[in-house]
Amino acid sequence: MIKVIDTAAEHGKIIEINSYPNRLDLDWRLCKYAKERGVMSTINPDAHREDELRHVYLGVSVAARDGWRRRTS
């Protein structure tokens, strides 16, 4: 994941925080590293059914744990 984050930083790409409970593949400590590298993130609920949208809070909590805040244009 470090290499993915470094590559995203080099190429100006955004990384995804997946909110699905069985995924949650971006650890909050890696969010901190990504933030330090200037990489933006997006929170994806990965919902395949309407009731799975409830999982989005998990992705938000991963991002918020290291102080990531909503960026507005």
PDB file of N, CA and C in Angstrom:
ATOM      1  N   MET A   1       0.814  -1.195   0.000  1.00  0.00           N
ATOM      2  CA  MET A   1       0.000   0.000   0.000  1.00  0.00           C
ATOM      3  C   MET A   1       0.863   1.268   0.000  1.00  0.00           C
ATOM      4  N   ILE A   2       2.022   1.207   0.616  1.00  0.00           N
ATOM      5  CA  ILE A   2       2.916   2.367   0.597  1.00  0.00           C
ATOM      6  C   ILE A   2       3.283   2.708  -0.843  1.00  0.00           C
ATOM      7  N   LYS A   3       3.604   1.688  -1.623  1.00  0.00           N
ATOM      8  CA  LYS A   3       3.963   1.920  -3.031  1.00  0.00           C
ATOM      9  C   LYS A   3       2.776   2.498  -3.807  1.00  0.00           C
ATOM     10  N   VAL A   4       1.574   2.022  -3.525  1.00  0.00           N
ATOM     11  CA  VAL A   4       0.375   2.552  -4.178  1.00  0.00           C
ATOM     12  C   VAL A   4       0.197   4.028  -3.826  1.00  0.00           C
ATOM     13  N   ILE A   5       0.347   4.357  -2.554  1.00  0.00           N
ATOM     14  CA  ILE A   5       0.195   5.747  -2.113  1.00  0.00           C
ATOM     15  C   ILE A   5       1.280   6.625  -2.732  1.00  0.00           C
ATOM     16  N   ASP A   6       2.518   6.144  -2.730  1.00  0.00           N
ATOM     17  CA  ASP A   6       3.610   6.917  -3.337  1.00  0.00           C
ATOM     18  C   ASP A   6       3.352   7.154  -4.820  1.00  0.00           C
ATOM     19  N   THR A   7       2.867   6.142  -5.510  1.00  0.00           N
ATOM     20  CA  THR A   7       2.567   6.275  -6.942  1.00  0.00           C
ATOM     21  C   THR A   7       1.414   7.248  -7.163  1.00  0.00           C
ATOM     22  N   ALA A   8       0.387   7.175  -6.312  1.00  0.00           N
ATOM     23  CA  ALA A   8      -0.729   8.122  -6.407  1.00  0.00           C
ATOM     24  C   ALA A   8      -0.228   9.550  -6.217  1.00  0.00           C
ATOM     25  N   ALA A   9       0.677   9.751  -5.277  1.00  0.00           N
ATOM     26  CA  ALA A   9       1.232  11.081  -5.028  1.00  0.00           C
ATOM     27  C   ALA A   9       2.013  11.582  -6.244  1.00  0.00           C
ATOM     28  N   GLU A  10       2.795  10.706  -6.830  1.00  0.00           N
ATOM     29  CA  GLU A  10       3.614  11.083  -7.989  1.00  0.00           C
ATOM     30  C   GLU A  10       2.767  11.466  -9.196  1.00  0.00           C
ATOM     31  N   HIS A  11       1.595  10.856  -9.319  1.00  0.00           N
ATOM     32  CA  HIS A  11       0.767  11.054 -10.507  1.00  0.00           C
ATOM     33  C   HIS A  11      -0.502  11.866 -10.245  1.00  0.00           C
ATOM     34  N   GLY A  12      -0.627  12.427  -9.054  1.00  0.00           N
ATOM     35  CA  GLY A  12      -1.773  13.261  -8.737  1.00  0.00           C
ATOM     36  C   GLY A  12      -3.100  12.515  -8.727  1.00  0.00           C
ATOM     37  N   LYS A  13      -3.078  11.284  -8.252  1.00  0.00           N
ATOM     38  CA  LYS A  13      -4.289  10.457  -8.218  1.00  0.00           C
ATOM     39  C   LYS A  13      -4.929  10.470  -6.834  1.00  0.00           C
ATOM     40  N   ILE A  14      -6.184  10.085  -6.808  1.00  0.00           N
ATOM     41  CA  ILE A  14      -6.960   9.996  -5.574  1.00  0.00           C
ATOM     42  C   ILE A  14      -7.066   8.531  -5.178  1.00  0.00           C
ATOM     43  N   ILE A  15      -7.015   8.232  -3.882  1.00  0.00           N
ATOM     44  CA  ILE A  15      -7.194   6.858  -3.424  1.00  0.00           C
ATOM     45  C   ILE A  15      -8.553   6.702  -2.755  1.00  0.00           C
ATOM     46  N   GLU A  16      -9.033   5.486  -2.754  1.00  0.00           N
ATOM     47  CA  GLU A  16     -10.355   5.183  -2.229  1.00  0.00           C
ATOM     48  C   GLU A  16     -10.279   4.597  -0.827  1.00  0.00           C
ATOM     49  N   ILE A  17     -11.181   5.049   0.018  1.00  0.00           N
ATOM     50  CA  ILE A  17     -11.421   4.399   1.300  1.00  0.00           C
ATOM     51  C   ILE A  17     -12.709   3.608   1.115  1.00  0.00           C
ATOM     52  N   ASN A  18     -12.613   2.292   1.120  1.00  0.00           N
ATOM     53  CA  ASN A  18     -13.765   1.429   0.903  1.00  0.00           C
ATOM     54  C   ASN A  18     -14.460   1.192   2.240  1.00  0.00           C
ATOM     55  N   SER A  19     -15.752   1.486   2.309  1.00  0.00           N
ATOM     56  CA  SER A  19     -16.500   1.419   3.575  1.00  0.00           C
ATOM     57  C   SER A  19     -17.137   0.073   3.874  1.00  0.00           C
ATOM     58  N   TYR A  20     -17.051  -0.858   2.948  1.00  0.00           N
ATOM     59  CA  TYR A  20     -17.713  -2.132   3.182  1.00  0.00           C
ATOM     60  C   TYR A  20     -17.002  -2.892   4.308  1.00  0.00           C
ATOM     61  N   PRO A  21     -17.727  -3.422   5.289  1.00  0.00           N
ATOM     62  CA  PRO A  21     -17.099  -4.028   6.473  1.00  0.00           C
ATOM     63  C   PRO A  21     -16.116  -5.163   6.166  1.00  0.00           C
ATOM     64  N   ASN A  22     -16.347  -5.890   5.116  1.00  0.00           N
ATOM     65  CA  ASN A  22     -15.435  -6.993   4.778  1.00  0.00           C
ATOM     66  C   ASN A  22     -14.213  -6.510   4.007  1.00  0.00           C
ATOM     67  N   ARG A  23     -14.175  -5.239   3.655  1.00  0.00           N
ATOM     68  CA  ARG A  23     -13.047  -4.701   2.898  1.00  0.00           C
ATOM     69  C   ARG A  23     -12.208  -3.792   3.779  1.00  0.00           C
ATOM     70  N   LEU A  24     -12.701  -2.569   4.006  1.00  0.00           N
ATOM     71  CA  LEU A  24     -11.955  -1.585   4.807  1.00  0.00           C
ATOM     72  C   LEU A  24     -10.453  -1.683   4.549  1.00  0.00           C
ATOM     73  N   ASP A  25     -10.076  -1.623   3.261  1.00  0.00           N
ATOM     74  CA  ASP A  25      -8.700  -1.938   2.909  1.00  0.00           C
ATOM     75  C   ASP A  25      -7.682  -0.822   3.146  1.00  0.00           C
ATOM     76  N   LEU A  26      -8.106   0.378   3.469  1.00  0.00           N
ATOM     77  CA  LEU A  26      -7.133   1.422   3.748  1.00  0.00           C
ATOM     78  C   LEU A  26      -7.124   1.720   5.245  1.00  0.00           C
ATOM     79  N   ASP A  27      -6.087   1.254   5.901  1.00  0.00           N
ATOM     80  CA  ASP A  27      -5.907   1.454   7.337  1.00  0.00           C
ATOM     81  C   ASP A  27      -5.757   2.947   7.641  1.00  0.00           C
ATOM     82  N   TRP A  28      -6.257   3.387   8.775  1.00  0.00           N
ATOM     83  CA  TRP A  28      -6.198   4.810   9.115  1.00  0.00           C
ATOM     84  C   TRP A  28      -4.772   5.327   9.186  1.00  0.00           C
ATOM     85  N   ARG A  29      -3.820   4.474   9.567  1.00  0.00           N
ATOM     86  CA  ARG A  29      -2.419   4.915   9.611  1.00  0.00           C
ATOM     87  C   ARG A  29      -1.899   5.187   8.208  1.00  0.00           C
ATOM     88  N   LEU A  30      -2.408   4.434   7.232  1.00  0.00           N
ATOM     89  CA  LEU A  30      -2.031   4.695   5.852  1.00  0.00           C
ATOM     90  C   LEU A  30      -2.712   5.961   5.341  1.00  0.00           C
ATOM     91  N   CYS A  31      -3.882   6.281   5.866  1.00  0.00           N
ATOM     92  CA  CYS A  31      -4.525   7.559   5.540  1.00  0.00           C
ATOM     93  C   CYS A  31      -3.621   8.707   5.969  1.00  0.00           C
ATOM     94  N   LYS A  32      -3.029   8.570   7.138  1.00  0.00           N
ATOM     95  CA  LYS A  32      -2.119   9.602   7.634  1.00  0.00           C
ATOM     96  C   LYS A  32      -0.928   9.758   6.694  1.00  0.00           C
ATOM     97  N   TYR A  33      -0.369   8.653   6.274  1.00  0.00           N
ATOM     98  CA  TYR A  33       0.762   8.695   5.348  1.00  0.00           C
ATOM     99  C   TYR A  33       0.340   9.338   4.024  1.00  0.00           C
ATOM    100  N   ALA A  34      -0.822   8.949   3.512  1.00  0.00           N
ATOM    101  CA  ALA A  34      -1.314   9.516   2.255  1.00  0.00           C
ATOM    102  C   ALA A  34      -1.510  11.024   2.391  1.00  0.00           C
ATOM    103  N   LYS A  35      -2.067  11.449   3.509  1.00  0.00           N
ATOM    104  CA  LYS A  35      -2.283  12.879   3.740  1.00  0.00           C
ATOM    105  C   LYS A  35      -0.950  13.616   3.754  1.00  0.00           C
ATOM    106  N   GLU A  36       0.045  13.040   4.407  1.00  0.00           N
ATOM    107  CA  GLU A  36       1.374  13.647   4.452  1.00  0.00           C
ATOM    108  C   GLU A  36       1.982  13.766   3.053  1.00  0.00           C
ATOM    109  N   ARG A  37       1.637  12.810   2.184  1.00  0.00           N
ATOM    110  CA  ARG A  37       2.138  12.827   0.804  1.00  0.00           C
ATOM    111  C   ARG A  37       1.296  13.714  -0.115  1.00  0.00           C
ATOM    112  N   GLY A  38       0.205  14.288   0.417  1.00  0.00           N
ATOM    113  CA  GLY A  38      -0.639  15.171  -0.378  1.00  0.00           C
ATOM    114  C   GLY A  38      -1.658  14.458  -1.243  1.00  0.00           C
ATOM    115  N   VAL A  39      -1.925  13.192  -0.940  1.00  0.00           N
ATOM    116  CA  VAL A  39      -2.887  12.409  -1.718  1.00  0.00           C
ATOM    117  C   VAL A  39      -4.291  12.608  -1.156  1.00  0.00           C
ATOM    118  N   MET A  40      -5.220  12.973  -2.030  1.00  0.00           N
ATOM    119  CA  MET A  40      -6.617  13.104  -1.609  1.00  0.00           C
ATOM    120  C   MET A  40      -7.264  11.723  -1.601  1.00  0.00           C
ATOM    121  N   SER A  41      -8.379  11.625  -0.892  1.00  0.00           N
ATOM    122  CA  SER A  41      -9.095  10.347  -0.855  1.00  0.00           C
ATOM    123  C   SER A  41     -10.567  10.573  -1.130  1.00  0.00           C
ATOM    124  N   THR A  42     -11.230   9.494  -1.484  1.00  0.00           N
ATOM    125  CA  THR A  42     -12.667   9.485  -1.655  1.00  0.00           C
ATOM    126  C   THR A  42     -13.220   8.335  -0.819  1.00  0.00           C
ATOM    127  N   ILE A  43     -14.373   8.527  -0.234  1.00  0.00           N
ATOM    128  CA  ILE A  43     -14.989   7.481   0.582  1.00  0.00           C
ATOM    129  C   ILE A  43     -16.084   6.819  -0.245  1.00  0.00           C
ATOM    130  N   ASN A  44     -15.954   5.528  -0.446  1.00  0.00           N
ATOM    131  CA  ASN A  44     -16.881   4.756  -1.266  1.00  0.00           C
ATOM    132  C   ASN A  44     -17.645   3.776  -0.386  1.00  0.00           C
ATOM    133  N   PRO A  45     -18.978   3.819  -0.372  1.00  0.00           N
ATOM    134  CA  PRO A  45     -19.729   2.863   0.441  1.00  0.00           C
ATOM    135  C   PRO A  45     -19.681   1.440  -0.109  1.00  0.00           C
ATOM    136  N   ASP A  46     -19.293   1.273  -1.370  1.00  0.00           N
ATOM    137  CA  ASP A  46     -19.229  -0.051  -2.017  1.00  0.00           C
ATOM    138  C   ASP A  46     -20.560  -0.793  -1.868  1.00  0.00           C
ATOM    139  N   ALA A  47     -21.654  -0.041  -1.903  1.00  0.00           N
ATOM    140  CA  ALA A  47     -22.987  -0.624  -1.706  1.00  0.00           C
ATOM    141  C   ALA A  47     -23.487  -1.263  -2.999  1.00  0.00           C
ATOM    142  N   HIS A  48     -24.023  -2.456  -2.857  1.00  0.00           N
ATOM    143  CA  HIS A  48     -24.640  -3.153  -3.983  1.00  0.00           C
ATOM    144  C   HIS A  48     -26.146  -3.259  -3.789  1.00  0.00           C
ATOM    145  N   ARG A  49     -26.581  -2.848  -2.610  1.00  0.00           N
ATOM    146  CA  ARG A  49     -28.015  -2.775  -2.280  1.00  0.00           C
ATOM    147  C   ARG A  49     -28.216  -1.532  -1.435  1.00  0.00           C
ATOM    148  N   GLU A  50     -29.413  -0.994  -1.467  1.00  0.00           N
ATOM    149  CA  GLU A  50     -29.705   0.237  -0.737  1.00  0.00           C
ATOM    150  C   GLU A  50     -29.371   0.131   0.751  1.00  0.00           C
ATOM    151  N   ASP A  51     -29.680  -0.993   1.369  1.00  0.00           N
ATOM    152  CA  ASP A  51     -29.431  -1.124   2.817  1.00  0.00           C
ATOM    153  C   ASP A  51     -27.942  -1.127   3.162  1.00  0.00           C
ATOM    154  N   GLU A  52     -27.076  -1.387   2.194  1.00  0.00           N
ATOM    155  CA  GLU A  52     -25.634  -1.387   2.456  1.00  0.00           C
ATOM    156  C   GLU A  52     -25.054   0.025   2.527  1.00  0.00           C
ATOM    157  N   LEU A  53     -25.838   1.027   2.161  1.00  0.00           N
ATOM    158  CA  LEU A  53     -25.368   2.408   2.292  1.00  0.00           C
ATOM    159  C   LEU A  53     -25.085   2.766   3.747  1.00  0.00           C
ATOM    160  N   ARG A  54     -25.670   2.030   4.657  1.00  0.00           N
ATOM    161  CA  ARG A  54     -25.462   2.307   6.084  1.00  0.00           C
ATOM    162  C   ARG A  54     -24.000   2.130   6.505  1.00  0.00           C
ATOM    163  N   HIS A  55     -23.214   1.439   5.694  1.00  0.00           N
ATOM    164  CA  HIS A  55     -21.807   1.190   6.031  1.00  0.00           C
ATOM    165  C   HIS A  55     -20.896   2.391   5.781  1.00  0.00           C
ATOM    166  N   VAL A  56     -21.399   3.429   5.139  1.00  0.00           N
ATOM    167  CA  VAL A  56     -20.538   4.555   4.796  1.00  0.00           C
ATOM    168  C   VAL A  56     -19.886   5.171   6.039  1.00  0.00           C
ATOM    169  N   TYR A  57     -20.534   5.073   7.184  1.00  0.00           N
ATOM    170  CA  TYR A  57     -19.946   5.636   8.404  1.00  0.00           C
ATOM    171  C   TYR A  57     -18.603   4.979   8.725  1.00  0.00           C
ATOM    172  N   LEU A  58     -18.409   3.722   8.314  1.00  0.00           N
ATOM    173  CA  LEU A  58     -17.131   3.053   8.576  1.00  0.00           C
ATOM    174  C   LEU A  58     -15.994   3.733   7.814  1.00  0.00           C
ATOM    175  N   GLY A  59     -16.235   4.063   6.560  1.00  0.00           N
ATOM    176  CA  GLY A  59     -15.220   4.777   5.778  1.00  0.00           C
ATOM    177  C   GLY A  59     -14.964   6.170   6.311  1.00  0.00           C
ATOM    178  N   VAL A  60     -16.038   6.837   6.729  1.00  0.00           N
ATOM    179  CA  VAL A  60     -15.899   8.171   7.300  1.00  0.00           C
ATOM    180  C   VAL A  60     -15.072   8.100   8.585  1.00  0.00           C
ATOM    181  N   SER A  61     -15.299   7.076   9.392  1.00  0.00           N
ATOM    182  CA  SER A  61     -14.545   6.962  10.648  1.00  0.00           C
ATOM    183  C   SER A  61     -13.071   6.672  10.387  1.00  0.00           C
ATOM    184  N   VAL A  62     -12.754   5.916   9.337  1.00  0.00           N
ATOM    185  CA  VAL A  62     -11.347   5.681   8.979  1.00  0.00           C
ATOM    186  C   VAL A  62     -10.691   7.012   8.617  1.00  0.00           C
ATOM    187  N   ALA A  63     -11.357   7.791   7.783  1.00  0.00           N
ATOM    188  CA  ALA A  63     -10.804   9.082   7.358  1.00  0.00           C
ATOM    189  C   ALA A  63     -10.709  10.056   8.525  1.00  0.00           C
ATOM    190  N   ALA A  64     -11.722  10.100   9.359  1.00  0.00           N
ATOM    191  CA  ALA A  64     -11.764  11.066  10.461  1.00  0.00           C
ATOM    192  C   ALA A  64     -10.768  10.735  11.565  1.00  0.00           C
ATOM    193  N   ARG A  65     -10.409   9.480  11.674  1.00  0.00           N
ATOM    194  CA  ARG A  65      -9.516   9.078  12.767  1.00  0.00           C
ATOM    195  C   ARG A  65      -8.183   9.816  12.725  1.00  0.00           C
ATOM    196  N   ASP A  66      -7.741  10.143  11.526  1.00  0.00           N
ATOM    197  CA  ASP A  66      -6.493  10.887  11.419  1.00  0.00           C
ATOM    198  C   ASP A  66      -6.715  12.349  11.071  1.00  0.00           C
ATOM    199  N   GLY A  67      -7.923  12.817  11.241  1.00  0.00           N
ATOM    200  CA  GLY A  67      -8.166  14.233  11.045  1.00  0.00           C
ATOM    201  C   GLY A  67      -8.402  14.656   9.608  1.00  0.00           C
ATOM    202  N   TRP A  68      -8.662  13.719   8.708  1.00  0.00           N
ATOM    203  CA  TRP A  68      -8.997  14.118   7.339  1.00  0.00           C
ATOM    204  C   TRP A  68     -10.309  14.859   7.382  1.00  0.00           C
ATOM    205  N   ARG A  69     -10.387  15.926   6.675  1.00  0.00           N
ATOM    206  CA  ARG A  69     -11.599  16.732   6.634  1.00  0.00           C
ATOM    207  C   ARG A  69     -12.083  16.872   5.192  1.00  0.00           C
ATOM    208  N   ARG A  70     -13.350  17.167   5.085  1.00  0.00           N
ATOM    209  CA  ARG A  70     -13.950  17.337   3.781  1.00  0.00           C
ATOM    210  C   ARG A  70     -13.298  18.515   3.084  1.00  0.00           C
ATOM    211  N   ARG A  71     -12.910  18.297   1.849  1.00  0.00           N
ATOM    212  CA  ARG A  71     -12.315  19.371   1.054  1.00  0.00           C
ATOM    213  C   ARG A  71     -13.388  19.904   0.127  1.00  0.00           C
ATOM    214  N   THR A  72     -13.538  21.214   0.117  1.00  0.00           N
ATOM    215  CA  THR A  72     -14.511  21.836  -0.778  1.00  0.00           C
ATOM    216  C   THR A  72     -13.785  22.681  -1.804  1.00  0.00           C
ATOM    217  N   SER A  73     -14.395  22.862  -2.945  1.00  0.00           N
ATOM    218  CA  SER A  73     -13.778  23.660  -4.011  1.00  0.00           C
ATOM    219  C   SER A  73     -13.998  25.122  -3.779  1.00  0.00           C
TER     220      SER A  73
END
